[in-house]
Amino acid sequence: MKPVKNDDKKENKYWQTTTGKILVVTLVFAIIVVAFTLVTGQIAYGNVYGKLFNDSKVPDVQFQGSPYAMNNTSGSILVFNVTDLDGPNQAAVTEIILTNVTTGKNITLTSQNISMDIYRVVDAKYHYHDNVKYNQYNGIYVPLGDEATIYMNLTTSLHHNLSGKYKVTLVVPTQKAKFATADVTF
């Protein structure tokens, strides 16, 4: 009969080391894999501490040309061309602020007021994919690169005619957004 060997220090034929050393190598490898996963997730998606930087572009909604305003028998009419020059696929204009130049008082048209006041939208002939749209929840949607002429009857939501010189500001609800401003006279 052959003598039985002591199995406490059994040699691994692949690593040429003991079982205890394989456990240490496995733990070190597992720690490296976890660290690599966390670092990669942080850089790509901000999984650990949140985003380290923001690549998204800021919407740049602007007036094309000068807007004009007039009072007639149906009320105070504001007409302007709007376009989105840079940013995401669509930018929403959720507020229009009218500031009286002489008194400094602000009139804020919310998205619900905007949807009530718009009575006509004329898209540019060269629009590429979507039309400029509006609704009572988000105001005016302007697709990137598109242009439209917006006709608004401000008397619908304000219930009175405007008179005097006003500064019109289109508000896009994002951080660091560039607001479009122009002067009009009713």
N, C-alpha and C. Protein backbone atom coordinates (compact mmCIF):
# COMPACT_ATOMS: atom_id res chain seq x y z
N MET A 1 0.82 -1.15 0.00
CA MET A 1 0.00 0.00 0.00
C MET A 1 0.89 1.24 0.00
N LYS A 2 0.43 2.28 -0.72
CA LYS A 2 1.19 3.50 -0.81
C LYS A 2 0.92 4.38 0.40
N PRO A 3 1.92 5.11 0.82
CA PRO A 3 1.70 6.01 1.95
C PRO A 3 0.86 7.21 1.52
N VAL A 4 -0.01 7.70 2.42
CA VAL A 4 -0.89 8.84 2.15
C VAL A 4 -0.10 10.11 2.40
N LYS A 5 -0.19 11.02 1.42
CA LYS A 5 0.52 12.29 1.52
C LYS A 5 -0.31 13.28 2.33
N ASN A 6 0.35 14.23 2.95
CA ASN A 6 -0.31 15.28 3.70
C ASN A 6 -0.85 16.30 2.69
N ASP A 7 -2.22 16.57 2.68
CA ASP A 7 -2.86 17.45 1.69
C ASP A 7 -2.88 18.92 2.09
N ASP A 8 -2.29 19.30 3.22
CA ASP A 8 -2.31 20.70 3.66
C ASP A 8 -1.58 21.60 2.68
N LYS A 9 -0.52 21.15 2.10
CA LYS A 9 0.26 21.96 1.17
C LYS A 9 0.20 21.36 -0.23
N LYS A 10 -1.03 21.19 -0.69
CA LYS A 10 -1.25 20.62 -2.00
C LYS A 10 -0.86 21.64 -3.06
N GLU A 11 -0.07 21.25 -4.01
CA GLU A 11 0.42 22.11 -5.07
C GLU A 11 -0.61 22.17 -6.20
N ASN A 12 -0.82 23.36 -6.74
CA ASN A 12 -1.69 23.53 -7.90
C ASN A 12 -0.80 23.43 -9.13
N LYS A 13 -1.13 22.53 -10.03
CA LYS A 13 -0.25 22.30 -11.16
C LYS A 13 -0.27 23.44 -12.17
N TYR A 14 -1.32 24.32 -12.15
CA TYR A 14 -1.37 25.42 -13.10
C TYR A 14 -0.63 26.64 -12.61
N TRP A 15 -0.75 26.97 -11.35
CA TRP A 15 -0.15 28.17 -10.79
C TRP A 15 1.15 27.89 -10.07
N GLN A 16 1.37 26.68 -9.79
CA GLN A 16 2.55 26.27 -9.02
C GLN A 16 2.63 27.05 -7.70
N THR A 17 1.51 27.10 -7.01
CA THR A 17 1.44 27.80 -5.74
C THR A 17 0.45 27.08 -4.84
N THR A 18 0.31 27.58 -3.64
CA THR A 18 -0.59 26.92 -2.69
C THR A 18 -1.99 27.48 -2.84
N THR A 19 -2.98 26.82 -2.26
CA THR A 19 -4.38 27.22 -2.35
C THR A 19 -4.61 28.59 -1.71
N GLY A 20 -3.93 28.92 -0.64
CA GLY A 20 -4.07 30.21 0.03
C GLY A 20 -3.63 31.36 -0.84
N LYS A 21 -2.59 31.18 -1.64
CA LYS A 21 -2.11 32.24 -2.51
C LYS A 21 -3.09 32.48 -3.67
N ILE A 22 -3.79 31.45 -4.13
CA ILE A 22 -4.79 31.60 -5.19
C ILE A 22 -5.93 32.47 -4.69
N LEU A 23 -6.33 32.32 -3.45
CA LEU A 23 -7.38 33.13 -2.86
C LEU A 23 -6.99 34.61 -2.84
N VAL A 24 -5.75 34.92 -2.49
CA VAL A 24 -5.27 36.30 -2.47
C VAL A 24 -5.26 36.87 -3.89
N VAL A 25 -4.80 36.13 -4.85
CA VAL A 25 -4.78 36.58 -6.24
C VAL A 25 -6.21 36.83 -6.73
N THR A 26 -7.14 35.97 -6.37
CA THR A 26 -8.54 36.12 -6.76
C THR A 26 -9.13 37.39 -6.15
N LEU A 27 -8.88 37.66 -4.89
CA LEU A 27 -9.39 38.86 -4.24
C LEU A 27 -8.81 40.14 -4.85
N VAL A 28 -7.53 40.14 -5.14
CA VAL A 28 -6.90 41.31 -5.77
C VAL A 28 -7.52 41.55 -7.15
N PHE A 29 -7.70 40.49 -7.93
CA PHE A 29 -8.31 40.61 -9.25
C PHE A 29 -9.74 41.14 -9.13
N ALA A 30 -10.51 40.65 -8.16
CA ALA A 30 -11.89 41.10 -7.96
C ALA A 30 -11.93 42.58 -7.60
N ILE A 31 -11.01 43.03 -6.77
CA ILE A 31 -10.95 44.45 -6.39
C ILE A 31 -10.61 45.31 -7.60
N ILE A 32 -9.70 44.83 -8.43
CA ILE A 32 -9.34 45.57 -9.65
C ILE A 32 -10.54 45.67 -10.59
N VAL A 33 -11.30 44.60 -10.74
CA VAL A 33 -12.48 44.60 -11.62
C VAL A 33 -13.54 45.56 -11.10
N VAL A 34 -13.79 45.53 -9.79
CA VAL A 34 -14.79 46.43 -9.20
C VAL A 34 -14.35 47.89 -9.36
N ALA A 35 -13.10 48.19 -9.09
CA ALA A 35 -12.60 49.56 -9.24
C ALA A 35 -12.70 50.02 -10.69
N PHE A 36 -12.34 49.16 -11.63
CA PHE A 36 -12.44 49.50 -13.05
C PHE A 36 -13.89 49.79 -13.44
N THR A 37 -14.83 48.98 -12.94
CA THR A 37 -16.25 49.17 -13.23
C THR A 37 -16.76 50.49 -12.68
N LEU A 38 -16.39 50.82 -11.45
CA LEU A 38 -16.83 52.08 -10.84
C LEU A 38 -16.24 53.29 -11.56
N VAL A 39 -14.96 53.23 -11.89
CA VAL A 39 -14.31 54.36 -12.56
C VAL A 39 -14.91 54.55 -13.96
N THR A 40 -15.11 53.47 -14.68
CA THR A 40 -15.69 53.55 -16.02
C THR A 40 -17.12 54.08 -15.95
N GLY A 41 -17.91 53.60 -15.01
CA GLY A 41 -19.28 54.08 -14.83
C GLY A 41 -19.33 55.54 -14.46
N GLN A 42 -18.40 55.99 -13.62
CA GLN A 42 -18.37 57.40 -13.23
C GLN A 42 -18.02 58.29 -14.42
N ILE A 43 -17.04 57.89 -15.18
CA ILE A 43 -16.62 58.70 -16.33
C ILE A 43 -17.72 58.74 -17.39
N ALA A 44 -18.32 57.60 -17.69
CA ALA A 44 -19.28 57.53 -18.79
C ALA A 44 -20.67 58.02 -18.40
N TYR A 45 -21.16 57.64 -17.20
CA TYR A 45 -22.55 57.90 -16.85
C TYR A 45 -22.75 58.68 -15.56
N GLY A 46 -21.72 58.87 -14.77
CA GLY A 46 -21.88 59.56 -13.50
C GLY A 46 -22.55 58.71 -12.44
N ASN A 47 -22.27 57.40 -12.43
CA ASN A 47 -22.93 56.48 -11.50
C ASN A 47 -22.58 56.71 -10.04
N VAL A 48 -21.38 57.13 -9.74
CA VAL A 48 -20.91 57.18 -8.36
C VAL A 48 -21.23 58.53 -7.71
N TYR A 49 -20.72 59.62 -8.25
CA TYR A 49 -20.90 60.95 -7.68
C TYR A 49 -21.75 61.87 -8.54
N GLY A 50 -22.35 61.39 -9.59
CA GLY A 50 -23.07 62.26 -10.50
C GLY A 50 -22.14 62.71 -11.63
N LYS A 51 -22.72 63.41 -12.58
CA LYS A 51 -21.94 63.83 -13.74
C LYS A 51 -20.82 64.78 -13.34
N LEU A 52 -19.64 64.55 -13.89
CA LEU A 52 -18.50 65.42 -13.63
C LEU A 52 -18.48 66.61 -14.59
N PHE A 53 -19.13 66.46 -15.74
CA PHE A 53 -19.20 67.54 -16.72
C PHE A 53 -20.48 67.37 -17.50
N ASN A 54 -20.92 68.42 -18.17
CA ASN A 54 -22.16 68.40 -18.93
C ASN A 54 -21.85 68.73 -20.39
N ASP A 55 -22.09 67.75 -21.28
CA ASP A 55 -21.81 67.93 -22.71
C ASP A 55 -22.99 68.53 -23.47
N SER A 56 -24.17 68.57 -22.85
CA SER A 56 -25.35 68.96 -23.60
C SER A 56 -25.28 70.42 -24.02
N LYS A 57 -25.82 70.68 -25.17
CA LYS A 57 -25.81 72.03 -25.70
C LYS A 57 -27.00 72.80 -25.15
N VAL A 58 -26.82 74.09 -25.00
CA VAL A 58 -27.87 74.96 -24.49
C VAL A 58 -28.74 75.42 -25.66
N PRO A 59 -30.07 75.37 -25.50
CA PRO A 59 -30.93 75.85 -26.59
C PRO A 59 -30.69 77.32 -26.87
N ASP A 60 -30.75 77.69 -28.13
CA ASP A 60 -30.54 79.07 -28.54
C ASP A 60 -31.70 79.48 -29.44
N VAL A 61 -32.81 79.86 -28.82
CA VAL A 61 -33.99 80.31 -29.56
C VAL A 61 -33.86 81.80 -29.79
N GLN A 62 -34.01 82.22 -31.04
CA GLN A 62 -33.82 83.63 -31.37
C GLN A 62 -34.94 84.12 -32.28
N PHE A 63 -35.11 85.44 -32.26
CA PHE A 63 -35.99 86.08 -33.22
C PHE A 63 -35.26 86.16 -34.56
N GLN A 64 -35.97 85.91 -35.65
CA GLN A 64 -35.44 86.14 -36.98
C GLN A 64 -36.06 87.44 -37.45
N GLY A 65 -35.26 88.45 -37.57
CA GLY A 65 -35.81 89.75 -37.90
C GLY A 65 -36.40 90.40 -36.65
N SER A 66 -37.08 91.50 -36.85
CA SER A 66 -37.68 92.21 -35.72
C SER A 66 -39.15 91.84 -35.61
N PRO A 67 -39.61 91.54 -34.41
CA PRO A 67 -41.05 91.30 -34.24
C PRO A 67 -41.81 92.62 -34.38
N TYR A 68 -43.08 92.54 -34.71
CA TYR A 68 -43.86 93.77 -34.78
C TYR A 68 -45.18 93.57 -34.06
N ALA A 69 -45.71 94.68 -33.60
CA ALA A 69 -46.94 94.65 -32.83
C ALA A 69 -47.87 95.73 -33.36
N MET A 70 -49.18 95.49 -33.19
CA MET A 70 -50.16 96.47 -33.62
C MET A 70 -51.45 96.26 -32.84
N ASN A 71 -52.22 97.30 -32.76
CA ASN A 71 -53.56 97.23 -32.19
C ASN A 71 -54.56 97.39 -33.33
N ASN A 72 -55.54 96.50 -33.38
CA ASN A 72 -56.61 96.64 -34.36
C ASN A 72 -57.94 96.29 -33.68
N THR A 73 -58.98 96.10 -34.44
CA THR A 73 -60.30 95.86 -33.85
C THR A 73 -60.37 94.54 -33.07
N SER A 74 -59.53 93.56 -33.42
CA SER A 74 -59.57 92.29 -32.70
C SER A 74 -58.68 92.28 -31.47
N GLY A 75 -57.83 93.29 -31.26
CA GLY A 75 -57.01 93.35 -30.05
C GLY A 75 -55.57 93.70 -30.35
N SER A 76 -54.71 93.41 -29.39
CA SER A 76 -53.26 93.65 -29.52
C SER A 76 -52.62 92.44 -30.18
N ILE A 77 -52.04 92.65 -31.35
CA ILE A 77 -51.47 91.56 -32.13
C ILE A 77 -49.95 91.64 -32.04
N LEU A 78 -49.30 90.50 -31.76
CA LEU A 78 -47.84 90.38 -31.75
C LEU A 78 -47.45 89.33 -32.77
N VAL A 79 -46.57 89.69 -33.69
CA VAL A 79 -46.13 88.77 -34.75
C VAL A 79 -44.61 88.71 -34.72
N PHE A 80 -44.07 87.48 -34.71
CA PHE A 80 -42.61 87.34 -34.71
C PHE A 80 -42.20 86.04 -35.38
N ASN A 81 -41.00 86.08 -35.96
CA ASN A 81 -40.38 84.87 -36.51
C ASN A 81 -39.45 84.33 -35.44
N VAL A 82 -39.48 83.02 -35.23
CA VAL A 82 -38.65 82.41 -34.22
C VAL A 82 -37.93 81.22 -34.83
N THR A 83 -36.69 80.99 -34.39
CA THR A 83 -35.92 79.85 -34.86
C THR A 83 -35.06 79.32 -33.72
N ASP A 84 -34.69 78.05 -33.80
CA ASP A 84 -33.79 77.43 -32.83
C ASP A 84 -32.48 77.16 -33.54
N LEU A 85 -31.43 77.87 -33.14
CA LEU A 85 -30.15 77.78 -33.85
C LEU A 85 -29.23 76.70 -33.31
N ASP A 86 -29.34 76.36 -32.03
CA ASP A 86 -28.41 75.40 -31.43
C ASP A 86 -29.09 74.73 -30.26
N GLY A 87 -28.60 73.56 -29.90
CA GLY A 87 -29.12 72.87 -28.74
C GLY A 87 -29.71 71.52 -29.07
N PRO A 88 -30.67 71.07 -28.25
CA PRO A 88 -31.28 69.76 -28.48
C PRO A 88 -32.19 69.78 -29.70
N ASN A 89 -32.82 68.65 -30.00
CA ASN A 89 -33.66 68.55 -31.18
C ASN A 89 -34.83 69.51 -31.17
N GLN A 90 -35.40 69.77 -29.99
CA GLN A 90 -36.48 70.73 -29.88
C GLN A 90 -36.29 71.57 -28.64
N ALA A 91 -36.59 72.84 -28.74
CA ALA A 91 -36.55 73.73 -27.58
C ALA A 91 -37.96 74.24 -27.35
N ALA A 92 -38.34 74.36 -26.09
CA ALA A 92 -39.68 74.84 -25.75
C ALA A 92 -39.59 76.25 -25.19
N VAL A 93 -40.40 77.14 -25.74
CA VAL A 93 -40.53 78.49 -25.19
C VAL A 93 -41.73 78.43 -24.26
N THR A 94 -41.49 78.42 -22.95
CA THR A 94 -42.59 78.22 -22.00
C THR A 94 -43.17 79.51 -21.47
N GLU A 95 -42.45 80.61 -21.60
CA GLU A 95 -42.96 81.90 -21.14
C GLU A 95 -42.54 83.00 -22.10
N ILE A 96 -43.41 83.98 -22.22
CA ILE A 96 -43.08 85.20 -22.94
C ILE A 96 -43.29 86.34 -21.95
N ILE A 97 -42.24 87.13 -21.72
CA ILE A 97 -42.33 88.24 -20.78
C ILE A 97 -42.35 89.55 -21.56
N LEU A 98 -43.38 90.33 -21.32
CA LEU A 98 -43.51 91.65 -21.92
C LEU A 98 -43.21 92.67 -20.83
N THR A 99 -42.16 93.45 -21.02
CA THR A 99 -41.77 94.47 -20.04
C THR A 99 -42.04 95.84 -20.62
N ASN A 100 -42.87 96.62 -19.94
CA ASN A 100 -43.15 97.98 -20.37
C ASN A 100 -41.90 98.81 -20.14
N VAL A 101 -41.39 99.44 -21.20
CA VAL A 101 -40.12 100.16 -21.12
C VAL A 101 -40.24 101.38 -20.22
N THR A 102 -41.37 102.08 -20.25
CA THR A 102 -41.50 103.31 -19.47
C THR A 102 -41.80 103.04 -18.00
N THR A 103 -42.67 102.09 -17.69
CA THR A 103 -43.03 101.84 -16.29
C THR A 103 -42.21 100.73 -15.65
N GLY A 104 -41.66 99.82 -16.45
CA GLY A 104 -40.89 98.71 -15.91
C GLY A 104 -41.74 97.54 -15.44
N LYS A 105 -43.05 97.60 -15.61
CA LYS A 105 -43.93 96.52 -15.18
C LYS A 105 -43.84 95.35 -16.16
N ASN A 106 -43.87 94.14 -15.61
CA ASN A 106 -43.78 92.92 -16.42
C ASN A 106 -45.16 92.29 -16.59
N ILE A 107 -45.41 91.78 -17.78
CA ILE A 107 -46.56 90.94 -18.05
C ILE A 107 -46.00 89.59 -18.48
N THR A 108 -46.30 88.55 -17.74
CA THR A 108 -45.78 87.23 -18.03
C THR A 108 -46.87 86.37 -18.65
N LEU A 109 -46.62 85.88 -19.83
CA LEU A 109 -47.53 84.95 -20.49
C LEU A 109 -47.01 83.55 -20.26
N THR A 110 -47.74 82.74 -19.53
CA THR A 110 -47.34 81.36 -19.27
C THR A 110 -47.66 80.50 -20.49
N SER A 111 -47.29 79.23 -20.44
CA SER A 111 -47.54 78.34 -21.57
C SER A 111 -49.03 78.21 -21.86
N GLN A 112 -49.86 78.27 -20.85
CA GLN A 112 -51.31 78.19 -21.08
C GLN A 112 -51.80 79.46 -21.78
N ASN A 113 -51.30 80.64 -21.36
CA ASN A 113 -51.65 81.88 -22.05
C ASN A 113 -51.17 81.87 -23.49
N ILE A 114 -49.95 81.36 -23.70
CA ILE A 114 -49.39 81.30 -25.06
C ILE A 114 -50.28 80.46 -25.96
N SER A 115 -50.72 79.30 -25.48
CA SER A 115 -51.54 78.42 -26.31
C SER A 115 -52.91 79.05 -26.60
N MET A 116 -53.42 79.87 -25.68
CA MET A 116 -54.70 80.55 -25.93
C MET A 116 -54.52 81.70 -26.92
N ASP A 117 -53.37 82.40 -26.86
CA ASP A 117 -53.17 83.60 -27.66
C ASP A 117 -52.76 83.32 -29.10
N ILE A 118 -52.10 82.21 -29.36
CA ILE A 118 -51.65 81.92 -30.73
C ILE A 118 -52.85 81.57 -31.59
N TYR A 119 -52.98 82.27 -32.70
CA TYR A 119 -54.07 81.93 -33.61
C TYR A 119 -53.57 81.47 -34.97
N ARG A 120 -52.26 81.59 -35.22
CA ARG A 120 -51.73 81.14 -36.50
C ARG A 120 -50.24 80.89 -36.39
N VAL A 121 -49.78 79.79 -36.98
CA VAL A 121 -48.35 79.47 -37.06
C VAL A 121 -48.06 79.14 -38.52
N VAL A 122 -47.12 79.89 -39.11
CA VAL A 122 -46.73 79.66 -40.50
C VAL A 122 -45.29 79.15 -40.49
N ASP A 123 -45.12 77.87 -40.86
CA ASP A 123 -43.78 77.29 -40.90
C ASP A 123 -43.03 77.75 -42.13
N ALA A 124 -41.72 77.80 -42.00
CA ALA A 124 -40.88 78.13 -43.15
C ALA A 124 -41.00 77.02 -44.19
N LYS A 125 -40.80 77.38 -45.44
CA LYS A 125 -40.94 76.40 -46.51
C LYS A 125 -39.89 75.31 -46.45
N TYR A 126 -38.75 75.60 -45.86
CA TYR A 126 -37.63 74.66 -45.87
C TYR A 126 -37.53 73.82 -44.60
N HIS A 127 -38.57 73.76 -43.78
CA HIS A 127 -38.42 73.00 -42.54
C HIS A 127 -38.15 71.54 -42.87
N TYR A 128 -37.30 70.92 -42.05
CA TYR A 128 -36.75 69.61 -42.41
C TYR A 128 -37.55 68.43 -41.87
N HIS A 129 -37.96 68.48 -40.63
CA HIS A 129 -38.60 67.29 -40.08
C HIS A 129 -39.92 67.60 -39.42
N ASP A 130 -39.94 68.39 -38.36
CA ASP A 130 -41.17 68.67 -37.63
C ASP A 130 -41.60 70.11 -37.85
N ASN A 131 -42.87 70.34 -37.63
CA ASN A 131 -43.39 71.70 -37.67
C ASN A 131 -43.24 72.33 -36.29
N VAL A 132 -43.26 73.65 -36.24
CA VAL A 132 -43.32 74.34 -34.96
C VAL A 132 -44.71 74.12 -34.40
N LYS A 133 -44.77 73.66 -33.14
CA LYS A 133 -46.05 73.31 -32.52
C LYS A 133 -46.20 74.08 -31.21
N TYR A 134 -47.38 74.05 -30.66
CA TYR A 134 -47.61 74.66 -29.36
C TYR A 134 -48.70 73.88 -28.63
N ASN A 135 -48.66 73.91 -27.31
CA ASN A 135 -49.72 73.34 -26.48
C ASN A 135 -49.76 74.08 -25.15
N GLN A 136 -50.75 73.78 -24.34
CA GLN A 136 -50.95 74.53 -23.11
C GLN A 136 -50.00 74.11 -21.99
N TYR A 137 -49.29 73.02 -22.15
CA TYR A 137 -48.39 72.55 -21.09
C TYR A 137 -46.96 73.02 -21.27
N ASN A 138 -46.50 73.08 -22.52
CA ASN A 138 -45.09 73.38 -22.77
C ASN A 138 -44.86 74.63 -23.60
N GLY A 139 -45.88 75.33 -23.98
CA GLY A 139 -45.70 76.54 -24.78
C GLY A 139 -45.43 76.21 -26.24
N ILE A 140 -44.40 76.86 -26.81
CA ILE A 140 -44.08 76.71 -28.23
C ILE A 140 -42.90 75.76 -28.38
N TYR A 141 -43.05 74.72 -29.21
CA TYR A 141 -41.95 73.81 -29.54
C TYR A 141 -41.30 74.27 -30.83
N VAL A 142 -40.00 74.52 -30.78
CA VAL A 142 -39.27 74.95 -31.98
C VAL A 142 -38.22 73.89 -32.29
N PRO A 143 -38.41 73.11 -33.37
CA PRO A 143 -37.40 72.12 -33.74
C PRO A 143 -36.09 72.79 -34.16
N LEU A 144 -34.99 72.11 -33.93
CA LEU A 144 -33.67 72.63 -34.25
C LEU A 144 -33.57 72.94 -35.73
N GLY A 145 -33.17 74.17 -36.05
CA GLY A 145 -32.97 74.58 -37.43
C GLY A 145 -34.22 75.05 -38.15
N ASP A 146 -35.39 74.88 -37.55
CA ASP A 146 -36.62 75.30 -38.21
C ASP A 146 -36.97 76.74 -37.84
N GLU A 147 -37.83 77.32 -38.63
CA GLU A 147 -38.25 78.70 -38.43
C GLU A 147 -39.74 78.78 -38.69
N ALA A 148 -40.41 79.64 -37.92
CA ALA A 148 -41.84 79.84 -38.12
C ALA A 148 -42.23 81.25 -37.73
N THR A 149 -43.32 81.72 -38.32
CA THR A 149 -43.90 83.00 -37.94
C THR A 149 -45.07 82.72 -37.02
N ILE A 150 -45.05 83.34 -35.85
CA ILE A 150 -46.08 83.13 -34.83
C ILE A 150 -46.96 84.38 -34.78
N TYR A 151 -48.26 84.19 -34.87
CA TYR A 151 -49.22 85.27 -34.74
C TYR A 151 -49.97 85.08 -33.43
N MET A 152 -49.92 86.11 -32.57
CA MET A 152 -50.58 86.02 -31.26
C MET A 152 -51.53 87.21 -31.08
N ASN A 153 -52.72 86.93 -30.56
CA ASN A 153 -53.65 87.97 -30.14
C ASN A 153 -53.59 88.04 -28.62
N LEU A 154 -52.85 89.00 -28.08
CA LEU A 154 -52.61 89.08 -26.64
C LEU A 154 -53.86 89.46 -25.85
N THR A 155 -54.85 90.03 -26.52
CA THR A 155 -56.07 90.42 -25.83
C THR A 155 -56.86 89.20 -25.36
N THR A 156 -56.63 88.05 -25.96
CA THR A 156 -57.33 86.83 -25.57
C THR A 156 -57.07 86.49 -24.10
N SER A 157 -55.83 86.55 -23.66
CA SER A 157 -55.52 86.20 -22.27
C SER A 157 -55.42 87.41 -21.36
N LEU A 158 -55.06 88.58 -21.90
CA LEU A 158 -54.90 89.77 -21.07
C LEU A 158 -56.20 90.54 -20.86
N HIS A 159 -57.17 90.37 -21.75
CA HIS A 159 -58.49 90.99 -21.68
C HIS A 159 -58.45 92.52 -21.80
N HIS A 160 -57.37 93.07 -22.33
CA HIS A 160 -57.29 94.50 -22.63
C HIS A 160 -56.20 94.72 -23.68
N ASN A 161 -56.29 95.84 -24.37
CA ASN A 161 -55.28 96.18 -25.37
C ASN A 161 -54.05 96.76 -24.70
N LEU A 162 -52.90 96.53 -25.30
CA LEU A 162 -51.65 97.10 -24.80
C LEU A 162 -51.33 98.36 -25.57
N SER A 163 -50.63 99.27 -24.92
CA SER A 163 -50.17 100.46 -25.62
C SER A 163 -48.82 100.85 -25.05
N GLY A 164 -47.98 101.42 -25.90
CA GLY A 164 -46.66 101.83 -25.46
C GLY A 164 -45.57 100.93 -26.02
N LYS A 165 -44.36 101.15 -25.52
CA LYS A 165 -43.20 100.38 -25.98
C LYS A 165 -42.91 99.26 -24.99
N TYR A 166 -42.71 98.03 -25.50
CA TYR A 166 -42.47 96.85 -24.68
C TYR A 166 -41.21 96.13 -25.15
N LYS A 167 -40.55 95.50 -24.20
CA LYS A 167 -39.44 94.59 -24.51
C LYS A 167 -39.99 93.18 -24.41
N VAL A 168 -39.89 92.40 -25.47
CA VAL A 168 -40.41 91.03 -25.53
C VAL A 168 -39.26 90.07 -25.27
N THR A 169 -39.44 89.14 -24.33
CA THR A 169 -38.41 88.15 -24.00
C THR A 169 -39.01 86.76 -24.12
N LEU A 170 -38.37 85.90 -24.91
CA LEU A 170 -38.77 84.49 -25.01
C LEU A 170 -37.96 83.70 -23.99
N VAL A 171 -38.63 83.00 -23.10
CA VAL A 171 -37.97 82.27 -22.01
C VAL A 171 -37.94 80.79 -22.33
N VAL A 172 -36.73 80.23 -22.32
CA VAL A 172 -36.51 78.79 -22.49
C VAL A 172 -36.07 78.24 -21.14
N PRO A 173 -36.79 77.26 -20.58
CA PRO A 173 -36.55 76.86 -19.19
C PRO A 173 -35.37 75.91 -19.00
N THR A 174 -34.17 76.35 -19.30
CA THR A 174 -32.99 75.54 -19.03
C THR A 174 -31.92 76.42 -18.40
N GLN A 175 -30.99 75.78 -17.73
CA GLN A 175 -29.90 76.54 -17.14
C GLN A 175 -29.03 77.12 -18.25
N LYS A 176 -28.57 78.31 -18.04
CA LYS A 176 -27.67 79.00 -18.96
C LYS A 176 -28.27 79.22 -20.35
N ALA A 177 -29.61 79.21 -20.44
CA ALA A 177 -30.24 79.41 -21.74
C ALA A 177 -30.09 80.87 -22.17
N LYS A 178 -29.99 81.05 -23.47
CA LYS A 178 -29.90 82.39 -24.04
C LYS A 178 -31.32 82.85 -24.39
N PHE A 179 -31.81 83.88 -23.71
CA PHE A 179 -33.16 84.37 -23.97
C PHE A 179 -33.13 85.36 -25.13
N ALA A 180 -34.11 85.24 -26.00
CA ALA A 180 -34.23 86.17 -27.13
C ALA A 180 -35.03 87.38 -26.66
N THR A 181 -34.53 88.58 -26.95
CA THR A 181 -35.24 89.81 -26.58
C THR A 181 -35.30 90.74 -27.77
N ALA A 182 -36.38 91.51 -27.82
CA ALA A 182 -36.57 92.51 -28.87
C ALA A 182 -37.56 93.55 -28.37
N ASP A 183 -37.52 94.74 -28.97
CA ASP A 183 -38.43 95.82 -28.61
C ASP A 183 -39.55 95.93 -29.63
N VAL A 184 -40.78 96.17 -29.14
CA VAL A 184 -41.93 96.37 -30.00
C VAL A 184 -42.75 97.55 -29.46
N THR A 185 -43.52 98.15 -30.32
CA THR A 185 -44.40 99.26 -29.91
C THR A 185 -45.81 98.95 -30.38
N PHE A 186 -46.76 99.01 -29.45
CA PHE A 186 -48.17 98.79 -29.77
C PHE A 186 -48.83 100.12 -30.08
